[in-house]
Amino acid sequence: MQHYPRKYGVSKFGLGRLVTGGLDLASIMFVGKYGKRPMHLFGSWGIFSFGFGFIVFIYLFLSKIFFDKTGLTQRPLFFVALVAMVIGTQLFVTGFIAELISRNAVNRNAYLVEKKTGI
């Protein structure tokens, strides 16, 4: 295959075009894969985030009971666990609401037949 040089003008393809093309591709993939079932995406990330925060919280709670007698809220890890649990809850609720919206956006009782023919 032989490469021929450009005859007219300059290329408009650059870093900005690459970024916007990548974002367009990501949005099309998201709509194609999760458009009808957004709970699969948001719910799984929400459960993961909440579970991570809960496990960290259990670790902190057990370490306070058995090893460290200082306050539970004195450690920065407590706030990381708290934020992870809040974000997980928000993601899960976002997925739930998006699922309700996507299911109610489609009119399932609309038919393509305009009139009854009697046959």
PDB file of N, CA and C in Angstrom:
ATOM      1  N   MET A   1       0.847  -1.165   0.000  1.00  0.00           N
ATOM      2  CA  MET A   1       0.000   0.000   0.000  1.00  0.00           C
ATOM      3  C   MET A   1       0.898   1.236   0.000  1.00  0.00           C
ATOM      4  N   GLN A   2       0.591   2.150  -0.884  1.00  0.00           N
ATOM      5  CA  GLN A   2       1.404   3.346  -1.009  1.00  0.00           C
ATOM      6  C   GLN A   2       0.672   4.525  -0.375  1.00  0.00           C
ATOM      7  N   HIS A   3       1.403   5.326   0.388  1.00  0.00           N
ATOM      8  CA  HIS A   3       0.830   6.494   1.044  1.00  0.00           C
ATOM      9  C   HIS A   3       1.014   7.718   0.160  1.00  0.00           C
ATOM     10  N   TYR A   4      -0.072   8.423  -0.110  1.00  0.00           N
ATOM     11  CA  TYR A   4      -0.017   9.636  -0.911  1.00  0.00           C
ATOM     12  C   TYR A   4      -0.155  10.845   0.006  1.00  0.00           C
ATOM     13  N   PRO A   5       0.624  11.883  -0.212  1.00  0.00           N
ATOM     14  CA  PRO A   5       0.517  13.080   0.634  1.00  0.00           C
ATOM     15  C   PRO A   5      -0.804  13.809   0.391  1.00  0.00           C
ATOM     16  N   ARG A   6      -1.225  14.586   1.379  1.00  0.00           N
ATOM     17  CA  ARG A   6      -2.456  15.359   1.293  1.00  0.00           C
ATOM     18  C   ARG A   6      -2.315  16.427   0.215  1.00  0.00           C
ATOM     19  N   LYS A   7      -3.321  16.540  -0.648  1.00  0.00           N
ATOM     20  CA  LYS A   7      -3.251  17.505  -1.745  1.00  0.00           C
ATOM     21  C   LYS A   7      -3.674  18.904  -1.303  1.00  0.00           C
ATOM     22  N   TYR A   8      -4.721  18.985  -0.481  1.00  0.00           N
ATOM     23  CA  TYR A   8      -5.282  20.282  -0.131  1.00  0.00           C
ATOM     24  C   TYR A   8      -5.416  20.414   1.389  1.00  0.00           C
ATOM     25  N   GLY A   9      -5.124  21.571   1.932  1.00  0.00           N
ATOM     26  CA  GLY A   9      -5.371  21.897   3.328  1.00  0.00           C
ATOM     27  C   GLY A   9      -4.509  21.121   4.309  1.00  0.00           C
ATOM     28  N   VAL A  10      -4.876  21.268   5.578  1.00  0.00           N
ATOM     29  CA  VAL A  10      -4.176  20.573   6.656  1.00  0.00           C
ATOM     30  C   VAL A  10      -5.186  19.736   7.426  1.00  0.00           C
ATOM     31  N   SER A  11      -4.693  18.760   8.116  1.00  0.00           N
ATOM     32  CA  SER A  11      -5.554  17.869   8.888  1.00  0.00           C
ATOM     33  C   SER A  11      -6.156  18.608  10.077  1.00  0.00           C
ATOM     34  N   LYS A  12      -7.424  18.353  10.344  1.00  0.00           N
ATOM     35  CA  LYS A  12      -8.109  18.949  11.487  1.00  0.00           C
ATOM     36  C   LYS A  12      -8.155  17.971  12.662  1.00  0.00           C
ATOM     37  N   PHE A  13      -7.534  16.823  12.478  1.00  0.00           N
ATOM     38  CA  PHE A  13      -7.537  15.809  13.530  1.00  0.00           C
ATOM     39  C   PHE A  13      -6.398  16.105  14.494  1.00  0.00           C
ATOM     40  N   GLY A  14      -6.746  16.299  15.778  1.00  0.00           N
ATOM     41  CA  GLY A  14      -5.739  16.599  16.781  1.00  0.00           C
ATOM     42  C   GLY A  14      -6.113  15.972  18.106  1.00  0.00           C
ATOM     43  N   LEU A  15      -5.490  16.431  19.167  1.00  0.00           N
ATOM     44  CA  LEU A  15      -5.733  15.878  20.497  1.00  0.00           C
ATOM     45  C   LEU A  15      -7.172  16.127  20.944  1.00  0.00           C
ATOM     46  N   GLY A  16      -7.697  17.302  20.665  1.00  0.00           N
ATOM     47  CA  GLY A  16      -9.086  17.603  21.040  1.00  0.00           C
ATOM     48  C   GLY A  16     -10.078  16.690  20.348  1.00  0.00           C
ATOM     49  N   ARG A  17      -9.843  16.438  19.082  1.00  0.00           N
ATOM     50  CA  ARG A  17     -10.723  15.553  18.322  1.00  0.00           C
ATOM     51  C   ARG A  17     -10.623  14.118  18.834  1.00  0.00           C
ATOM     52  N   LEU A  18      -9.436  13.722  19.255  1.00  0.00           N
ATOM     53  CA  LEU A  18      -9.243  12.383  19.804  1.00  0.00           C
ATOM     54  C   LEU A  18     -10.009  12.224  21.115  1.00  0.00           C
ATOM     55  N   VAL A  19      -9.956  13.251  21.957  1.00  0.00           N
ATOM     56  CA  VAL A  19     -10.659  13.197  23.247  1.00  0.00           C
ATOM     57  C   VAL A  19     -12.167  13.168  23.027  1.00  0.00           C
ATOM     58  N   THR A  20     -12.687  14.065  22.189  1.00  0.00           N
ATOM     59  CA  THR A  20     -14.134  14.082  21.967  1.00  0.00           C
ATOM     60  C   THR A  20     -14.613  12.806  21.274  1.00  0.00           C
ATOM     61  N   GLY A  21     -13.805  12.260  20.381  1.00  0.00           N
ATOM     62  CA  GLY A  21     -14.167  10.990  19.747  1.00  0.00           C
ATOM     63  C   GLY A  21     -14.212   9.855  20.754  1.00  0.00           C
ATOM     64  N   GLY A  22     -13.261   9.844  21.675  1.00  0.00           N
ATOM     65  CA  GLY A  22     -13.263   8.825  22.724  1.00  0.00           C
ATOM     66  C   GLY A  22     -14.461   8.957  23.643  1.00  0.00           C
ATOM     67  N   LEU A  23     -14.821  10.190  23.988  1.00  0.00           N
ATOM     68  CA  LEU A  23     -15.994  10.401  24.836  1.00  0.00           C
ATOM     69  C   LEU A  23     -17.284  10.011  24.111  1.00  0.00           C
ATOM     70  N   ASP A  24     -17.358  10.318  22.824  1.00  0.00           N
ATOM     71  CA  ASP A  24     -18.522   9.896  22.044  1.00  0.00           C
ATOM     72  C   ASP A  24     -18.626   8.375  22.002  1.00  0.00           C
ATOM     73  N   LEU A  25     -17.505   7.720  21.795  1.00  0.00           N
ATOM     74  CA  LEU A  25     -17.501   6.259  21.772  1.00  0.00           C
ATOM     75  C   LEU A  25     -17.926   5.683  23.120  1.00  0.00           C
ATOM     76  N   ALA A  26     -17.426   6.269  24.201  1.00  0.00           N
ATOM     77  CA  ALA A  26     -17.800   5.790  25.533  1.00  0.00           C
ATOM     78  C   ALA A  26     -19.289   5.989  25.795  1.00  0.00           C
ATOM     79  N   SER A  27     -19.855   7.121  25.362  1.00  0.00           N
ATOM     80  CA  SER A  27     -21.279   7.356  25.592  1.00  0.00           C
ATOM     81  C   SER A  27     -22.137   6.403  24.753  1.00  0.00           C
ATOM     82  N   ILE A  28     -21.727   6.131  23.528  1.00  0.00           N
ATOM     83  CA  ILE A  28     -22.480   5.184  22.698  1.00  0.00           C
ATOM     84  C   ILE A  28     -22.411   3.779  23.287  1.00  0.00           C
ATOM     85  N   MET A  29     -21.232   3.392  23.774  1.00  0.00           N
ATOM     86  CA  MET A  29     -21.106   2.076  24.400  1.00  0.00           C
ATOM     87  C   MET A  29     -21.955   1.999  25.668  1.00  0.00           C
ATOM     88  N   PHE A  30     -21.989   3.080  26.448  1.00  0.00           N
ATOM     89  CA  PHE A  30     -22.790   3.088  27.668  1.00  0.00           C
ATOM     90  C   PHE A  30     -24.273   2.960  27.351  1.00  0.00           C
ATOM     91  N   VAL A  31     -24.745   3.749  26.395  1.00  0.00           N
ATOM     92  CA  VAL A  31     -26.167   3.706  26.043  1.00  0.00           C
ATOM     93  C   VAL A  31     -26.520   2.345  25.450  1.00  0.00           C
ATOM     94  N   GLY A  32     -25.633   1.791  24.632  1.00  0.00           N
ATOM     95  CA  GLY A  32     -25.907   0.489  24.036  1.00  0.00           C
ATOM     96  C   GLY A  32     -25.926  -0.640  25.042  1.00  0.00           C
ATOM     97  N   LYS A  33     -25.036  -0.572  26.013  1.00  0.00           N
ATOM     98  CA  LYS A  33     -24.932  -1.675  26.968  1.00  0.00           C
ATOM     99  C   LYS A  33     -25.853  -1.511  28.176  1.00  0.00           C
ATOM    100  N   TYR A  34     -25.970  -0.278  28.678  1.00  0.00           N
ATOM    101  CA  TYR A  34     -26.726  -0.068  29.913  1.00  0.00           C
ATOM    102  C   TYR A  34     -27.944   0.829  29.727  1.00  0.00           C
ATOM    103  N   GLY A  35     -28.333   1.122  28.495  1.00  0.00           N
ATOM    104  CA  GLY A  35     -29.465   2.008  28.257  1.00  0.00           C
ATOM    105  C   GLY A  35     -30.774   1.451  28.793  1.00  0.00           C
ATOM    106  N   LYS A  36     -30.965   0.160  28.674  1.00  0.00           N
ATOM    107  CA  LYS A  36     -32.210  -0.459  29.138  1.00  0.00           C
ATOM    108  C   LYS A  36     -32.112  -0.993  30.567  1.00  0.00           C
ATOM    109  N   ARG A  37     -30.909  -1.081  31.093  1.00  0.00           N
ATOM    110  CA  ARG A  37     -30.731  -1.625  32.448  1.00  0.00           C
ATOM    111  C   ARG A  37     -29.625  -0.876  33.191  1.00  0.00           C
ATOM    112  N   PRO A  38     -29.874   0.383  33.560  1.00  0.00           N
ATOM    113  CA  PRO A  38     -28.847   1.180  34.230  1.00  0.00           C
ATOM    114  C   PRO A  38     -28.519   0.691  35.637  1.00  0.00           C
ATOM    115  N   MET A  39     -29.422  -0.070  36.236  1.00  0.00           N
ATOM    116  CA  MET A  39     -29.158  -0.581  37.581  1.00  0.00           C
ATOM    117  C   MET A  39     -27.973  -1.542  37.582  1.00  0.00           C
ATOM    118  N   HIS A  40     -27.720  -2.199  36.459  1.00  0.00           N
ATOM    119  CA  HIS A  40     -26.587  -3.120  36.396  1.00  0.00           C
ATOM    120  C   HIS A  40     -25.269  -2.382  36.566  1.00  0.00           C
ATOM    121  N   LEU A  41     -25.191  -1.171  36.052  1.00  0.00           N
ATOM    122  CA  LEU A  41     -23.963  -0.386  36.199  1.00  0.00           C
ATOM    123  C   LEU A  41     -23.920   0.323  37.550  1.00  0.00           C
ATOM    124  N   PHE A  42     -24.912   1.162  37.801  1.00  0.00           N
ATOM    125  CA  PHE A  42     -24.889   1.967  39.019  1.00  0.00           C
ATOM    126  C   PHE A  42     -25.060   1.104  40.267  1.00  0.00           C
ATOM    127  N   GLY A  43     -25.872   0.078  40.175  1.00  0.00           N
ATOM    128  CA  GLY A  43     -26.084  -0.790  41.331  1.00  0.00           C
ATOM    129  C   GLY A  43     -24.848  -1.572  41.706  1.00  0.00           C
ATOM    130  N   SER A  44     -24.137  -2.079  40.714  1.00  0.00           N
ATOM    131  CA  SER A  44     -22.934  -2.855  41.032  1.00  0.00           C
ATOM    132  C   SER A  44     -21.839  -1.963  41.611  1.00  0.00           C
ATOM    133  N   TRP A  45     -21.659  -0.767  41.032  1.00  0.00           N
ATOM    134  CA  TRP A  45     -20.672   0.162  41.609  1.00  0.00           C
ATOM    135  C   TRP A  45     -21.100   0.628  42.995  1.00  0.00           C
ATOM    136  N   GLY A  46     -22.398   0.831  43.189  1.00  0.00           N
ATOM    137  CA  GLY A  46     -22.897   1.247  44.499  1.00  0.00           C
ATOM    138  C   GLY A  46     -22.699   0.178  45.555  1.00  0.00           C
ATOM    139  N   ILE A  47     -22.980  -1.057  45.199  1.00  0.00           N
ATOM    140  CA  ILE A  47     -22.790  -2.153  46.155  1.00  0.00           C
ATOM    141  C   ILE A  47     -21.308  -2.327  46.466  1.00  0.00           C
ATOM    142  N   PHE A  48     -20.465  -2.202  45.445  1.00  0.00           N
ATOM    143  CA  PHE A  48     -19.021  -2.304  45.675  1.00  0.00           C
ATOM    144  C   PHE A  48     -18.529  -1.215  46.620  1.00  0.00           C
ATOM    145  N   SER A  49     -18.941   0.027  46.376  1.00  0.00           N
ATOM    146  CA  SER A  49     -18.495   1.142  47.204  1.00  0.00           C
ATOM    147  C   SER A  49     -19.032   1.024  48.625  1.00  0.00           C
ATOM    148  N   PHE A  50     -20.309   0.701  48.760  1.00  0.00           N
ATOM    149  CA  PHE A  50     -20.885   0.544  50.090  1.00  0.00           C
ATOM    150  C   PHE A  50     -20.237  -0.620  50.832  1.00  0.00           C
ATOM    151  N   GLY A  51     -20.012  -1.722  50.123  1.00  0.00           N
ATOM    152  CA  GLY A  51     -19.375  -2.884  50.758  1.00  0.00           C
ATOM    153  C   GLY A  51     -17.966  -2.575  51.220  1.00  0.00           C
ATOM    154  N   PHE A  52     -17.206  -1.837  50.407  1.00  0.00           N
ATOM    155  CA  PHE A  52     -15.860  -1.434  50.811  1.00  0.00           C
ATOM    156  C   PHE A  52     -15.903  -0.583  52.085  1.00  0.00           C
ATOM    157  N   GLY A  53     -16.788   0.408  52.098  1.00  0.00           N
ATOM    158  CA  GLY A  53     -16.919   1.265  53.275  1.00  0.00           C
ATOM    159  C   GLY A  53     -17.367   0.491  54.499  1.00  0.00           C
ATOM    160  N   PHE A  54     -18.269  -0.456  54.312  1.00  0.00           N
ATOM    161  CA  PHE A  54     -18.763  -1.245  55.444  1.00  0.00           C
ATOM    162  C   PHE A  54     -17.672  -2.155  55.999  1.00  0.00           C
ATOM    163  N   ILE A  55     -16.883  -2.760  55.123  1.00  0.00           N
ATOM    164  CA  ILE A  55     -15.786  -3.622  55.584  1.00  0.00           C
ATOM    165  C   ILE A  55     -14.750  -2.807  56.349  1.00  0.00           C
ATOM    166  N   VAL A  56     -14.435  -1.613  55.844  1.00  0.00           N
ATOM    167  CA  VAL A  56     -13.487  -0.743  56.555  1.00  0.00           C
ATOM    168  C   VAL A  56     -14.065  -0.338  57.905  1.00  0.00           C
ATOM    169  N   PHE A  57     -15.358  -0.029  57.937  1.00  0.00           N
ATOM    170  CA  PHE A  57     -15.991   0.340  59.198  1.00  0.00           C
ATOM    171  C   PHE A  57     -15.961  -0.815  60.199  1.00  0.00           C
ATOM    172  N   ILE A  58     -16.225  -2.039  59.753  1.00  0.00           N
ATOM    173  CA  ILE A  58     -16.161  -3.210  60.639  1.00  0.00           C
ATOM    174  C   ILE A  58     -14.741  -3.393  61.162  1.00  0.00           C
ATOM    175  N   TYR A  59     -13.755  -3.217  60.290  1.00  0.00           N
ATOM    176  CA  TYR A  59     -12.353  -3.305  60.716  1.00  0.00           C
ATOM    177  C   TYR A  59     -12.058  -2.276  61.800  1.00  0.00           C
ATOM    178  N   LEU A  60     -12.478  -1.044  61.590  1.00  0.00           N
ATOM    179  CA  LEU A  60     -12.239   0.004  62.582  1.00  0.00           C
ATOM    180  C   LEU A  60     -12.965  -0.290  63.892  1.00  0.00           C
ATOM    181  N   PHE A  61     -14.174  -0.778  63.785  1.00  0.00           N
ATOM    182  CA  PHE A  61     -14.952  -1.095  64.984  1.00  0.00           C
ATOM    183  C   PHE A  61     -14.298  -2.217  65.788  1.00  0.00           C
ATOM    184  N   LEU A  62     -13.869  -3.277  65.092  1.00  0.00           N
ATOM    185  CA  LEU A  62     -13.225  -4.389  65.792  1.00  0.00           C
ATOM    186  C   LEU A  62     -11.869  -3.987  66.361  1.00  0.00           C
ATOM    187  N   SER A  63     -11.139  -3.150  65.643  1.00  0.00           N
ATOM    188  CA  SER A  63      -9.846  -2.703  66.175  1.00  0.00           C
ATOM    189  C   SER A  63     -10.039  -1.803  67.381  1.00  0.00           C
ATOM    190  N   LYS A  64     -11.124  -1.057  67.445  1.00  0.00           N
ATOM    191  CA  LYS A  64     -11.397  -0.235  68.618  1.00  0.00           C
ATOM    192  C   LYS A  64     -11.752  -1.102  69.818  1.00  0.00           C
ATOM    193  N   ILE A  65     -12.551  -2.133  69.574  1.00  0.00           N
ATOM    194  CA  ILE A  65     -12.970  -2.987  70.694  1.00  0.00           C
ATOM    195  C   ILE A  65     -11.798  -3.791  71.245  1.00  0.00           C
ATOM    196  N   PHE A  66     -11.001  -4.391  70.380  1.00  0.00           N
ATOM    197  CA  PHE A  66      -9.985  -5.327  70.847  1.00  0.00           C
ATOM    198  C   PHE A  66      -8.600  -4.716  71.033  1.00  0.00           C
ATOM    199  N   PHE A  67      -8.230  -3.707  70.280  1.00  0.00           N
ATOM    200  CA  PHE A  67      -6.845  -3.234  70.320  1.00  0.00           C
ATOM    201  C   PHE A  67      -6.711  -1.781  70.767  1.00  0.00           C
ATOM    202  N   ASP A  68      -7.336  -0.901  70.056  1.00  0.00           N
ATOM    203  CA  ASP A  68      -7.122   0.524  70.261  1.00  0.00           C
ATOM    204  C   ASP A  68      -8.292   1.107  71.037  1.00  0.00           C
ATOM    205  N   LYS A  69      -8.019   1.815  72.095  1.00  0.00           N
ATOM    206  CA  LYS A  69      -9.085   2.374  72.921  1.00  0.00           C
ATOM    207  C   LYS A  69      -9.339   3.845  72.612  1.00  0.00           C
ATOM    208  N   THR A  70      -8.721   4.399  71.574  1.00  0.00           N
ATOM    209  CA  THR A  70      -8.991   5.785  71.210  1.00  0.00           C
ATOM    210  C   THR A  70     -10.332   5.880  70.483  1.00  0.00           C
ATOM    211  N   GLY A  71     -10.777   7.080  70.272  1.00  0.00           N
ATOM    212  CA  GLY A  71     -12.065   7.295  69.623  1.00  0.00           C
ATOM    213  C   GLY A  71     -12.094   6.772  68.200  1.00  0.00           C
ATOM    214  N   LEU A  72     -13.255   6.286  67.796  1.00  0.00           N
ATOM    215  CA  LEU A  72     -13.413   5.724  66.458  1.00  0.00           C
ATOM    216  C   LEU A  72     -13.318   6.814  65.391  1.00  0.00           C
ATOM    217  N   THR A  73     -13.811   7.985  65.720  1.00  0.00           N
ATOM    218  CA  THR A  73     -13.818   9.066  64.735  1.00  0.00           C
ATOM    219  C   THR A  73     -12.509   9.853  64.708  1.00  0.00           C
ATOM    220  N   GLN A  74     -11.535   9.444  65.462  1.00  0.00           N
ATOM    221  CA  GLN A  74     -10.244  10.129  65.473  1.00  0.00           C
ATOM    222  C   GLN A  74      -9.348   9.686  64.321  1.00  0.00           C
ATOM    223  N   ARG A  75      -9.713   8.635  63.644  1.00  0.00           N
ATOM    224  CA  ARG A  75      -8.894   8.108  62.552  1.00  0.00           C
ATOM    225  C   ARG A  75      -9.447   8.571  61.208  1.00  0.00           C
ATOM    226  N   PRO A  76      -8.571   8.971  60.288  1.00  0.00           N
ATOM    227  CA  PRO A  76      -9.044   9.408  58.961  1.00  0.00           C
ATOM    228  C   PRO A  76      -9.721   8.291  58.166  1.00  0.00           C
ATOM    229  N   LEU A  77      -9.364   7.051  58.447  1.00  0.00           N
ATOM    230  CA  LEU A  77      -9.962   5.925  57.737  1.00  0.00           C
ATOM    231  C   LEU A  77     -11.468   5.834  57.996  1.00  0.00           C
ATOM    232  N   PHE A  78     -11.898   6.333  59.160  1.00  0.00           N
ATOM    233  CA  PHE A  78     -13.321   6.354  59.471  1.00  0.00           C
ATOM    234  C   PHE A  78     -14.081   7.200  58.457  1.00  0.00           C
ATOM    235  N   PHE A  79     -13.518   8.346  58.106  1.00  0.00           N
ATOM    236  CA  PHE A  79     -14.182   9.239  57.165  1.00  0.00           C
ATOM    237  C   PHE A  79     -14.143   8.691  55.741  1.00  0.00           C
ATOM    238  N   VAL A  80     -13.086   7.962  55.410  1.00  0.00           N
ATOM    239  CA  VAL A  80     -13.031   7.295  54.110  1.00  0.00           C
ATOM    240  C   VAL A  80     -14.150   6.262  54.019  1.00  0.00           C
ATOM    241  N   ALA A  81     -14.337   5.489  55.083  1.00  0.00           N
ATOM    242  CA  ALA A  81     -15.401   4.486  55.105  1.00  0.00           C
ATOM    243  C   ALA A  81     -16.769   5.147  55.032  1.00  0.00           C
ATOM    244  N   LEU A  82     -16.937   6.240  55.741  1.00  0.00           N
ATOM    245  CA  LEU A  82     -18.218   6.940  55.741  1.00  0.00           C
ATOM    246  C   LEU A  82     -18.549   7.497  54.350  1.00  0.00           C
ATOM    247  N   VAL A  83     -17.562   8.110  53.708  1.00  0.00           N
ATOM    248  CA  VAL A  83     -17.782   8.658  52.369  1.00  0.00           C
ATOM    249  C   VAL A  83     -18.065   7.537  51.369  1.00  0.00           C
ATOM    250  N   ALA A  84     -17.347   6.422  51.482  1.00  0.00           N
ATOM    251  CA  ALA A  84     -17.582   5.293  50.570  1.00  0.00           C
ATOM    252  C   ALA A  84     -18.989   4.742  50.729  1.00  0.00           C
ATOM    253  N   MET A  85     -19.483   4.671  51.956  1.00  0.00           N
ATOM    254  CA  MET A  85     -20.837   4.172  52.185  1.00  0.00           C
ATOM    255  C   MET A  85     -21.886   5.143  51.648  1.00  0.00           C
ATOM    256  N   VAL A  86     -21.658   6.431  51.822  1.00  0.00           N
ATOM    257  CA  VAL A  86     -22.610   7.426  51.311  1.00  0.00           C
ATOM    258  C   VAL A  86     -22.621   7.417  49.786  1.00  0.00           C
ATOM    259  N   ILE A  87     -21.450   7.372  49.170  1.00  0.00           N
ATOM    260  CA  ILE A  87     -21.379   7.334  47.705  1.00  0.00           C
ATOM    261  C   ILE A  87     -22.010   6.049  47.175  1.00  0.00           C
ATOM    262  N   GLY A  88     -21.774   4.935  47.855  1.00  0.00           N
ATOM    263  CA  GLY A  88     -22.390   3.679  47.442  1.00  0.00           C
ATOM    264  C   GLY A  88     -23.905   3.741  47.486  1.00  0.00           C
ATOM    265  N   THR A  89     -24.436   4.345  48.539  1.00  0.00           N
ATOM    266  CA  THR A  89     -25.886   4.495  48.649  1.00  0.00           C
ATOM    267  C   THR A  89     -26.418   5.388  47.546  1.00  0.00           C
ATOM    268  N   GLN A  90     -25.720   6.477  47.269  1.00  0.00           N
ATOM    269  CA  GLN A  90     -26.161   7.389  46.211  1.00  0.00           C
ATOM    270  C   GLN A  90     -26.125   6.722  44.844  1.00  0.00           C
ATOM    271  N   LEU A  91     -25.089   5.952  44.572  1.00  0.00           N
ATOM    272  CA  LEU A  91     -25.011   5.253  43.288  1.00  0.00           C
ATOM    273  C   LEU A  91     -26.141   4.238  43.139  1.00  0.00           C
ATOM    274  N   PHE A  92     -26.425   3.506  44.206  1.00  0.00           N
ATOM    275  CA  PHE A  92     -27.487   2.508  44.162  1.00  0.00           C
ATOM    276  C   PHE A  92     -28.837   3.174  43.917  1.00  0.00           C
ATOM    277  N   VAL A  93     -29.107   4.258  44.615  1.00  0.00           N
ATOM    278  CA  VAL A  93     -30.379   4.972  44.440  1.00  0.00           C
ATOM    279  C   VAL A  93     -30.449   5.589  43.041  1.00  0.00           C
ATOM    280  N   THR A  94     -29.329   6.090  42.532  1.00  0.00           N
ATOM    281  CA  THR A  94     -29.298   6.630  41.175  1.00  0.00           C
ATOM    282  C   THR A  94     -29.655   5.544  40.167  1.00  0.00           C
ATOM    283  N   GLY A  95     -29.093   4.358  40.332  1.00  0.00           N
ATOM    284  CA  GLY A  95     -29.424   3.249  39.442  1.00  0.00           C
ATOM    285  C   GLY A  95     -30.880   2.854  39.533  1.00  0.00           C
ATOM    286  N   PHE A  96     -31.420   2.875  40.747  1.00  0.00           N
ATOM    287  CA  PHE A  96     -32.826   2.520  40.943  1.00  0.00           C
ATOM    288  C   PHE A  96     -33.741   3.523  40.256  1.00  0.00           C
ATOM    289  N   ILE A  97     -33.446   4.816  40.431  1.00  0.00           N
ATOM    290  CA  ILE A  97     -34.266   5.851  39.806  1.00  0.00           C
ATOM    291  C   ILE A  97     -34.122   5.804  38.284  1.00  0.00           C
ATOM    292  N   ALA A  98     -32.908   5.592  37.796  1.00  0.00           N
ATOM    293  CA  ALA A  98     -32.697   5.495  36.348  1.00  0.00           C
ATOM    294  C   ALA A  98     -33.434   4.283  35.776  1.00  0.00           C
ATOM    295  N   GLU A  99     -33.485   3.208  36.526  1.00  0.00           N
ATOM    296  CA  GLU A  99     -34.227   2.023  36.080  1.00  0.00           C
ATOM    297  C   GLU A  99     -35.722   2.327  35.990  1.00  0.00           C
ATOM    298  N   LEU A 100     -36.253   3.037  36.983  1.00  0.00           N
ATOM    299  CA  LEU A 100     -37.665   3.417  36.942  1.00  0.00           C
ATOM    300  C   LEU A 100     -37.953   4.333  35.762  1.00  0.00           C
ATOM    301  N   ILE A 101     -37.071   5.282  35.510  1.00  0.00           N
ATOM    302  CA  ILE A 101     -37.275   6.201  34.395  1.00  0.00           C
ATOM    303  C   ILE A 101     -37.198   5.466  33.068  1.00  0.00           C
ATOM    304  N   SER A 102     -36.220   4.585  32.914  1.00  0.00           N
ATOM    305  CA  SER A 102     -36.074   3.893  31.634  1.00  0.00           C
ATOM    306  C   SER A 102     -37.224   2.924  31.382  1.00  0.00           C
ATOM    307  N   ARG A 103     -37.771   2.347  32.420  1.00  0.00           N
ATOM    308  CA  ARG A 103     -38.888   1.419  32.213  1.00  0.00           C
ATOM    309  C   ARG A 103     -40.192   2.153  31.936  1.00  0.00           C
ATOM    310  N   ASN A 104     -40.357   3.341  32.513  1.00  0.00           N
ATOM    311  CA  ASN A 104     -41.596   4.090  32.293  1.00  0.00           C
ATOM    312  C   ASN A 104     -41.523   4.980  31.066  1.00  0.00           C
ATOM    313  N   ALA A 105     -40.358   5.163  30.500  1.00  0.00           N
ATOM    314  CA  ALA A 105     -40.224   6.004  29.302  1.00  0.00           C
ATOM    315  C   ALA A 105     -40.780   5.301  28.074  1.00  0.00           C
ATOM    316  N   VAL A 106     -40.782   3.983  28.092  1.00  0.00           N
ATOM    317  CA  VAL A 106     -41.283   3.214  26.961  1.00  0.00           C
ATOM    318  C   VAL A 106     -42.762   2.931  27.197  1.00  0.00           C
ATOM    319  N   ASN A 107     -43.595   3.312  26.232  1.00  0.00           N
ATOM    320  CA  ASN A 107     -45.018   3.025  26.335  1.00  0.00           C
ATOM    321  C   ASN A 107     -45.252   1.607  25.822  1.00  0.00           C
ATOM    322  N   ARG A 108     -45.412   0.673  26.746  1.00  0.00           N
ATOM    323  CA  ARG A 108     -45.520  -0.736  26.370  1.00  0.00           C
ATOM    324  C   ARG A 108     -46.892  -1.076  25.771  1.00  0.00           C
ATOM    325  N   ASN A 109     -47.860  -0.198  25.939  1.00  0.00           N
ATOM    326  CA  ASN A 109     -49.201  -0.483  25.422  1.00  0.00           C
ATOM    327  C   ASN A 109     -49.466   0.171  24.077  1.00  0.00           C
ATOM    328  N   ALA A 110     -48.477   0.837  23.520  1.00  0.00           N
ATOM    329  CA  ALA A 110     -48.663   1.460  22.207  1.00  0.00           C
ATOM    330  C   ALA A 110     -48.418   0.415  21.123  1.00  0.00           C
ATOM    331  N   TYR A 111     -49.374   0.292  20.249  1.00  0.00           N
ATOM    332  CA  TYR A 111     -49.278  -0.690  19.181  1.00  0.00           C
ATOM    333  C   TYR A 111     -49.103   0.032  17.853  1.00  0.00           C
ATOM    334  N   LEU A 112     -48.517  -0.650  16.894  1.00  0.00           N
ATOM    335  CA  LEU A 112     -48.315  -0.066  15.579  1.00  0.00           C
ATOM    336  C   LEU A 112     -49.562  -0.162  14.696  1.00  0.00           C
ATOM    337  N   VAL A 113     -50.518  -0.987  15.089  1.00  0.00           N
ATOM    338  CA  VAL A 113     -51.740  -1.144  14.306  1.00  0.00           C
ATOM    339  C   VAL A 113     -52.658   0.032  14.615  1.00  0.00           C
ATOM    340  N   GLU A 114     -53.112   0.733  13.577  1.00  0.00           N
ATOM    341  CA  GLU A 114     -53.931   1.920  13.800  1.00  0.00           C
ATOM    342  C   GLU A 114     -55.383   1.586  14.090  1.00  0.00           C
ATOM    343  N   LYS A 115     -55.951   0.630  13.388  1.00  0.00           N
ATOM    344  CA  LYS A 115     -57.378   0.321  13.616  1.00  0.00           C
ATOM    345  C   LYS A 115     -57.578  -1.188  13.546  1.00  0.00           C
ATOM    346  N   LYS A 116     -58.672  -1.597  14.124  1.00  0.00           N
ATOM    347  CA  LYS A 116     -59.019  -3.020  14.152  1.00  0.00           C
ATOM    348  C   LYS A 116     -59.734  -3.365  12.848  1.00  0.00           C
ATOM    349  N   THR A 117     -59.285  -4.423  12.195  1.00  0.00           N
ATOM    350  CA  THR A 117     -59.845  -4.771  10.888  1.00  0.00           C
ATOM    351  C   THR A 117     -60.980  -5.773  10.980  1.00  0.00           C
ATOM    352  N   GLY A 118     -61.124  -6.448  12.094  1.00  0.00           N
ATOM    353  CA  GLY A 118     -62.214  -7.414  12.230  1.00  0.00           C
ATOM    354  C   GLY A 118     -61.861  -8.797  11.743  1.00  0.00           C
ATOM    355  N   ILE A 119     -60.654  -9.000  11.309  1.00  0.00           N
ATOM    356  CA  ILE A 119     -60.259 -10.315  10.806  1.00  0.00           C
ATOM    357  C   ILE A 119     -59.827 -11.194  11.950  1.00  0.00           C
TER     358      ILE A 119
END
